[in-house]
N, C-alpha and C. Protein backbone atom coordinates (compact mmCIF):
# COMPACT_ATOMS: atom_id res chain seq x y z
N MET A 1 38.73 10.55 31.31
CA MET A 1 38.36 11.62 30.41
C MET A 1 37.74 11.07 29.12
N THR A 2 38.39 10.09 28.50
CA THR A 2 37.89 9.50 27.25
C THR A 2 36.59 8.75 27.50
N GLU A 3 36.52 8.03 28.62
CA GLU A 3 35.30 7.28 28.96
C GLU A 3 34.11 8.22 29.14
N GLN A 4 34.36 9.38 29.72
CA GLN A 4 33.30 10.34 29.93
C GLN A 4 32.79 10.89 28.58
N LYS A 5 33.70 11.15 27.64
CA LYS A 5 33.30 11.62 26.32
C LYS A 5 32.48 10.56 25.59
N VAL A 6 32.90 9.30 25.70
CA VAL A 6 32.17 8.20 25.07
C VAL A 6 30.77 8.11 25.67
N LYS A 7 30.68 8.28 26.97
CA LYS A 7 29.37 8.23 27.65
C LYS A 7 28.46 9.36 27.16
N VAL A 8 28.99 10.57 27.02
CA VAL A 8 28.22 11.71 26.53
C VAL A 8 27.76 11.47 25.09
N ILE A 9 28.64 10.92 24.26
CA ILE A 9 28.29 10.62 22.87
C ILE A 9 27.18 9.59 22.81
N ARG A 10 27.28 8.53 23.61
CA ARG A 10 26.24 7.49 23.63
C ARG A 10 24.89 8.05 24.07
N GLU A 11 24.91 8.90 25.09
CA GLU A 11 23.66 9.51 25.56
C GLU A 11 23.04 10.40 24.48
N SER A 12 23.89 11.16 23.77
CA SER A 12 23.39 12.02 22.69
C SER A 12 22.80 11.19 21.55
N LEU A 13 23.47 10.09 21.18
CA LEU A 13 22.95 9.21 20.13
C LEU A 13 21.63 8.57 20.54
N LYS A 14 21.52 8.17 21.81
CA LYS A 14 20.27 7.57 22.28
C LYS A 14 19.14 8.59 22.27
N ALA A 15 19.43 9.82 22.69
CA ALA A 15 18.40 10.87 22.68
C ALA A 15 17.94 11.15 21.26
N ALA A 16 18.88 11.23 20.31
CA ALA A 16 18.51 11.47 18.91
C ALA A 16 17.69 10.31 18.36
N SER A 17 18.09 9.10 18.69
CA SER A 17 17.35 7.92 18.22
C SER A 17 15.93 7.89 18.79
N ASP A 18 15.79 8.19 20.06
CA ASP A 18 14.46 8.23 20.68
C ASP A 18 13.58 9.30 20.07
N ARG A 19 14.17 10.46 19.76
CA ARG A 19 13.42 11.55 19.15
C ARG A 19 12.93 11.15 17.76
N GLN A 20 13.81 10.54 16.96
CA GLN A 20 13.42 10.10 15.61
C GLN A 20 12.34 9.01 15.69
N ARG A 21 12.47 8.11 16.66
CA ARG A 21 11.47 7.04 16.81
C ARG A 21 10.11 7.63 17.16
N SER A 22 10.08 8.64 18.01
CA SER A 22 8.80 9.23 18.39
C SER A 22 8.14 9.91 17.19
N TYR A 23 8.93 10.55 16.32
CA TYR A 23 8.37 11.16 15.12
C TYR A 23 7.84 10.11 14.15
N ALA A 24 8.59 9.02 13.99
CA ALA A 24 8.17 7.95 13.08
C ALA A 24 6.91 7.26 13.61
N ASP A 25 6.80 7.10 14.91
CA ASP A 25 5.63 6.43 15.50
C ASP A 25 4.36 7.24 15.32
N LEU A 26 4.48 8.57 15.19
CA LEU A 26 3.29 9.39 14.97
C LEU A 26 2.63 9.06 13.64
N LYS A 27 3.45 8.75 12.62
CA LYS A 27 2.93 8.43 11.29
C LYS A 27 2.47 6.98 11.17
N ARG A 28 3.01 6.12 11.99
CA ARG A 28 2.73 4.69 11.88
C ARG A 28 1.31 4.38 12.33
N LYS A 29 0.66 3.51 11.59
CA LYS A 29 -0.67 3.08 11.99
C LYS A 29 -0.78 1.57 11.78
N ASP A 30 -1.42 0.91 12.69
CA ASP A 30 -1.61 -0.52 12.56
C ASP A 30 -2.74 -0.79 11.58
N ILE A 31 -2.41 -1.49 10.50
CA ILE A 31 -3.39 -1.81 9.49
C ILE A 31 -3.77 -3.27 9.64
N GLU A 32 -5.06 -3.52 9.66
CA GLU A 32 -5.54 -4.88 9.83
C GLU A 32 -6.72 -5.10 8.90
N PHE A 33 -6.72 -6.24 8.22
CA PHE A 33 -7.81 -6.59 7.31
C PHE A 33 -8.50 -7.85 7.82
N GLN A 34 -9.77 -7.97 7.50
CA GLN A 34 -10.53 -9.17 7.84
C GLN A 34 -10.64 -10.05 6.59
N ILE A 35 -10.91 -11.32 6.81
CA ILE A 35 -11.13 -12.23 5.69
C ILE A 35 -12.36 -11.75 4.93
N ARG A 36 -12.28 -11.78 3.60
CA ARG A 36 -13.31 -11.35 2.66
C ARG A 36 -13.34 -9.84 2.46
N ASP A 37 -12.43 -9.09 3.10
CA ASP A 37 -12.29 -7.66 2.81
C ASP A 37 -11.72 -7.51 1.41
N LYS A 38 -11.99 -6.38 0.79
CA LYS A 38 -11.43 -6.07 -0.52
C LYS A 38 -10.28 -5.09 -0.35
N VAL A 39 -9.18 -5.34 -1.07
CA VAL A 39 -8.00 -4.48 -0.98
C VAL A 39 -7.44 -4.21 -2.37
N PHE A 40 -6.76 -3.06 -2.48
CA PHE A 40 -6.00 -2.75 -3.68
C PHE A 40 -4.56 -3.19 -3.45
N LEU A 41 -3.87 -3.51 -4.52
CA LEU A 41 -2.50 -4.00 -4.46
C LEU A 41 -1.59 -2.99 -5.15
N LYS A 42 -0.51 -2.57 -4.49
CA LYS A 42 0.40 -1.58 -5.06
C LYS A 42 1.17 -2.20 -6.22
N VAL A 43 1.29 -1.48 -7.31
CA VAL A 43 1.93 -1.97 -8.53
C VAL A 43 3.44 -1.83 -8.49
N LEU A 44 3.96 -0.88 -7.75
CA LEU A 44 5.37 -0.52 -7.76
C LEU A 44 6.33 -1.71 -7.73
N PRO A 45 6.13 -2.73 -6.89
CA PRO A 45 7.12 -3.82 -6.87
C PRO A 45 7.26 -4.57 -8.18
N TRP A 46 6.29 -4.50 -9.08
CA TRP A 46 6.35 -5.26 -10.33
C TRP A 46 6.53 -4.38 -11.55
N LYS A 47 6.92 -3.13 -11.39
CA LYS A 47 7.02 -2.23 -12.53
C LYS A 47 7.95 -2.77 -13.61
N LYS A 48 9.04 -3.41 -13.24
CA LYS A 48 9.99 -3.93 -14.23
C LYS A 48 9.58 -5.31 -14.73
N ILE A 49 8.68 -5.99 -14.04
CA ILE A 49 8.33 -7.37 -14.37
C ILE A 49 7.03 -7.43 -15.17
N LEU A 50 5.99 -6.81 -14.67
CA LEU A 50 4.68 -6.84 -15.32
C LEU A 50 4.25 -5.42 -15.65
N ARG A 51 3.42 -5.28 -16.66
CA ARG A 51 2.90 -3.97 -17.01
C ARG A 51 1.38 -4.01 -16.85
N PHE A 52 0.83 -3.06 -16.12
CA PHE A 52 -0.60 -2.95 -15.90
C PHE A 52 -1.09 -1.69 -16.59
N GLY A 53 -1.85 -1.85 -17.63
CA GLY A 53 -2.41 -0.68 -18.31
C GLY A 53 -1.35 0.11 -19.04
N ARG A 54 -1.30 1.40 -18.80
CA ARG A 54 -0.42 2.31 -19.54
C ARG A 54 0.97 2.38 -18.94
N LYS A 55 1.88 2.94 -19.72
CA LYS A 55 3.26 3.09 -19.30
C LYS A 55 3.51 4.57 -18.95
N GLY A 56 4.36 4.82 -17.98
CA GLY A 56 4.74 6.19 -17.66
C GLY A 56 3.93 6.80 -16.53
N LYS A 57 3.72 8.12 -16.61
CA LYS A 57 3.06 8.85 -15.53
C LYS A 57 1.63 8.40 -15.29
N VAL A 58 0.94 7.99 -16.35
CA VAL A 58 -0.47 7.63 -16.20
C VAL A 58 -0.67 6.16 -15.86
N SER A 59 0.41 5.44 -15.58
CA SER A 59 0.27 4.04 -15.21
C SER A 59 -0.40 3.96 -13.83
N PRO A 60 -1.17 2.91 -13.58
CA PRO A 60 -1.88 2.83 -12.30
C PRO A 60 -0.92 2.60 -11.13
N LYS A 61 -1.25 3.19 -10.00
CA LYS A 61 -0.45 2.98 -8.79
C LYS A 61 -0.90 1.73 -8.04
N PHE A 62 -2.21 1.44 -8.13
CA PHE A 62 -2.78 0.27 -7.48
C PHE A 62 -3.64 -0.49 -8.47
N ILE A 63 -3.75 -1.80 -8.27
CA ILE A 63 -4.65 -2.62 -9.07
C ILE A 63 -5.58 -3.34 -8.12
N GLY A 64 -6.71 -3.77 -8.64
CA GLY A 64 -7.64 -4.50 -7.80
C GLY A 64 -9.04 -3.98 -7.97
N PRO A 65 -9.92 -4.24 -7.08
CA PRO A 65 -9.74 -4.81 -5.75
C PRO A 65 -9.68 -6.34 -5.78
N TYR A 66 -8.98 -6.89 -4.80
CA TYR A 66 -8.87 -8.33 -4.62
C TYR A 66 -9.34 -8.68 -3.21
N GLU A 67 -9.79 -9.90 -3.06
CA GLU A 67 -10.37 -10.35 -1.79
C GLU A 67 -9.29 -10.98 -0.91
N VAL A 68 -9.32 -10.67 0.39
CA VAL A 68 -8.42 -11.28 1.36
C VAL A 68 -8.94 -12.67 1.68
N MET A 69 -8.11 -13.69 1.44
CA MET A 69 -8.53 -15.07 1.71
C MET A 69 -8.12 -15.53 3.11
N GLU A 70 -6.92 -15.08 3.55
CA GLU A 70 -6.38 -15.63 4.79
C GLU A 70 -5.37 -14.67 5.39
N ARG A 71 -5.32 -14.65 6.71
CA ARG A 71 -4.29 -13.86 7.40
C ARG A 71 -3.17 -14.83 7.77
N ILE A 72 -2.00 -14.63 7.20
CA ILE A 72 -0.87 -15.53 7.43
C ILE A 72 -0.16 -15.16 8.74
N GLU A 73 0.15 -13.89 8.88
CA GLU A 73 0.80 -13.34 10.08
C GLU A 73 0.14 -12.00 10.36
N PRO A 74 0.48 -11.33 11.44
CA PRO A 74 -0.14 -10.02 11.70
C PRO A 74 0.08 -9.01 10.58
N VAL A 75 1.13 -9.18 9.78
CA VAL A 75 1.40 -8.22 8.71
C VAL A 75 1.40 -8.85 7.32
N ALA A 76 0.94 -10.10 7.17
CA ALA A 76 0.95 -10.77 5.87
C ALA A 76 -0.42 -11.38 5.59
N TYR A 77 -0.89 -11.18 4.35
CA TYR A 77 -2.21 -11.66 3.95
C TYR A 77 -2.14 -12.38 2.61
N ARG A 78 -2.96 -13.43 2.47
CA ARG A 78 -3.08 -14.15 1.21
C ARG A 78 -4.30 -13.60 0.48
N LEU A 79 -4.11 -13.25 -0.81
CA LEU A 79 -5.18 -12.68 -1.62
C LEU A 79 -5.65 -13.67 -2.68
N LEU A 80 -6.89 -13.52 -3.07
CA LEU A 80 -7.46 -14.29 -4.16
C LEU A 80 -7.20 -13.50 -5.45
N LEU A 81 -6.20 -13.96 -6.24
CA LEU A 81 -5.80 -13.26 -7.44
C LEU A 81 -6.43 -13.89 -8.67
N PRO A 82 -6.65 -13.10 -9.73
CA PRO A 82 -7.20 -13.65 -10.98
C PRO A 82 -6.14 -14.50 -11.70
N PRO A 83 -6.57 -15.33 -12.65
CA PRO A 83 -5.63 -16.21 -13.36
C PRO A 83 -4.49 -15.48 -14.08
N GLU A 84 -4.73 -14.26 -14.56
CA GLU A 84 -3.65 -13.55 -15.27
C GLU A 84 -2.51 -13.14 -14.34
N LEU A 85 -2.72 -13.20 -13.02
CA LEU A 85 -1.65 -12.89 -12.06
C LEU A 85 -1.15 -14.14 -11.34
N GLU A 86 -1.30 -15.30 -11.96
CA GLU A 86 -0.91 -16.54 -11.30
C GLU A 86 0.60 -16.66 -11.11
N LYS A 87 1.39 -15.88 -11.86
CA LYS A 87 2.84 -15.93 -11.73
C LYS A 87 3.33 -15.19 -10.49
N ILE A 88 2.47 -14.41 -9.87
CA ILE A 88 2.82 -13.65 -8.67
C ILE A 88 2.45 -14.46 -7.44
N HIS A 89 3.34 -14.49 -6.46
CA HIS A 89 3.03 -15.15 -5.19
C HIS A 89 1.87 -14.41 -4.54
N ASN A 90 0.92 -15.12 -3.95
CA ASN A 90 -0.31 -14.48 -3.49
C ASN A 90 -0.31 -14.06 -2.03
N VAL A 91 0.85 -14.00 -1.38
CA VAL A 91 0.95 -13.51 0.01
C VAL A 91 1.66 -12.16 -0.03
N PHE A 92 1.04 -11.15 0.61
CA PHE A 92 1.56 -9.79 0.54
C PHE A 92 1.66 -9.16 1.92
N HIS A 93 2.61 -8.24 2.06
CA HIS A 93 2.78 -7.47 3.28
C HIS A 93 1.75 -6.33 3.29
N VAL A 94 1.30 -5.93 4.47
CA VAL A 94 0.28 -4.87 4.57
C VAL A 94 0.75 -3.54 3.99
N SER A 95 2.05 -3.33 3.89
CA SER A 95 2.55 -2.05 3.39
C SER A 95 2.22 -1.84 1.92
N ILE A 96 1.95 -2.92 1.15
CA ILE A 96 1.61 -2.74 -0.27
C ILE A 96 0.13 -3.00 -0.53
N LEU A 97 -0.67 -3.03 0.53
CA LEU A 97 -2.11 -3.18 0.39
C LEU A 97 -2.81 -1.90 0.83
N ARG A 98 -3.92 -1.57 0.18
CA ARG A 98 -4.75 -0.43 0.57
C ARG A 98 -6.19 -0.89 0.63
N ARG A 99 -6.90 -0.45 1.64
CA ARG A 99 -8.30 -0.85 1.81
C ARG A 99 -9.16 -0.31 0.66
N TYR A 100 -10.05 -1.16 0.18
CA TYR A 100 -11.00 -0.76 -0.86
C TYR A 100 -12.31 -0.39 -0.19
N ARG A 101 -12.76 0.82 -0.45
CA ARG A 101 -14.05 1.26 0.08
C ARG A 101 -14.94 1.58 -1.11
N SER A 102 -15.98 0.79 -1.27
CA SER A 102 -16.86 1.06 -2.40
C SER A 102 -17.70 2.29 -2.09
N ASP A 103 -17.84 3.13 -3.08
CA ASP A 103 -18.59 4.36 -2.93
C ASP A 103 -19.53 4.48 -4.12
N PRO A 104 -20.84 4.34 -3.90
CA PRO A 104 -21.78 4.42 -5.02
C PRO A 104 -21.74 5.75 -5.76
N SER A 105 -21.24 6.80 -5.14
CA SER A 105 -21.18 8.09 -5.82
C SER A 105 -20.13 8.10 -6.93
N HIS A 106 -19.22 7.13 -6.93
CA HIS A 106 -18.20 7.05 -7.97
C HIS A 106 -18.72 6.41 -9.25
N VAL A 107 -19.88 5.78 -9.18
CA VAL A 107 -20.43 5.08 -10.33
C VAL A 107 -21.45 5.97 -11.02
N PHE A 108 -21.29 6.14 -12.33
CA PHE A 108 -22.21 6.95 -13.11
C PHE A 108 -22.96 6.07 -14.08
N SER A 109 -24.22 6.36 -14.25
CA SER A 109 -24.97 5.68 -15.30
C SER A 109 -24.71 6.43 -16.60
N PRO A 110 -24.84 5.76 -17.76
CA PRO A 110 -24.57 6.43 -19.04
C PRO A 110 -25.40 7.69 -19.25
N SER A 111 -26.61 7.76 -18.70
CA SER A 111 -27.44 8.94 -18.89
C SER A 111 -26.91 10.16 -18.12
N GLU A 112 -26.09 9.93 -17.08
CA GLU A 112 -25.57 11.03 -16.27
C GLU A 112 -24.29 11.63 -16.87
N ILE A 113 -23.68 10.94 -17.80
CA ILE A 113 -22.42 11.41 -18.37
C ILE A 113 -22.71 12.34 -19.53
N GLU A 114 -22.13 13.51 -19.47
CA GLU A 114 -22.33 14.51 -20.52
C GLU A 114 -21.06 14.65 -21.34
N ILE A 115 -21.18 14.51 -22.64
CA ILE A 115 -20.03 14.66 -23.52
C ILE A 115 -20.18 15.98 -24.23
N LYS A 116 -19.22 16.87 -24.03
CA LYS A 116 -19.28 18.18 -24.67
C LYS A 116 -18.87 18.04 -26.13
N PRO A 117 -19.51 18.79 -27.04
CA PRO A 117 -19.20 18.69 -28.47
C PRO A 117 -17.74 18.99 -28.80
N ASP A 118 -17.11 19.90 -28.06
CA ASP A 118 -15.72 20.25 -28.36
C ASP A 118 -14.73 19.18 -27.92
N MET A 119 -15.19 18.18 -27.14
CA MET A 119 -14.33 17.12 -26.68
C MET A 119 -14.26 15.99 -27.70
N MET A 120 -15.15 15.97 -28.68
CA MET A 120 -15.17 14.87 -29.64
C MET A 120 -14.16 15.06 -30.73
């Protein structure tokens, strides 16, 4: 009797685990970068150690872009960091990297920018 209850509990736990895994796998995506790709670096891990730009809500979420120098493992990459970040180890997990896509539409020439008089 007890063995049968234990068996039913184990089957229920396995079914729940499989269901949760299938939901998590839907969101998961394999991220892969090539050497010389540009990536942004998530700031969150260094919030207490280093400060980038402003403090609080308007602080940047990502910094960069930085160039990928080497693929260490399937999920770890070495980045070419500037001298001001030399205190940070230069190998990062893909979970804190975001692909940089340059978009010329994001760049404005000074003649295209309009400053309204009430904003001054």
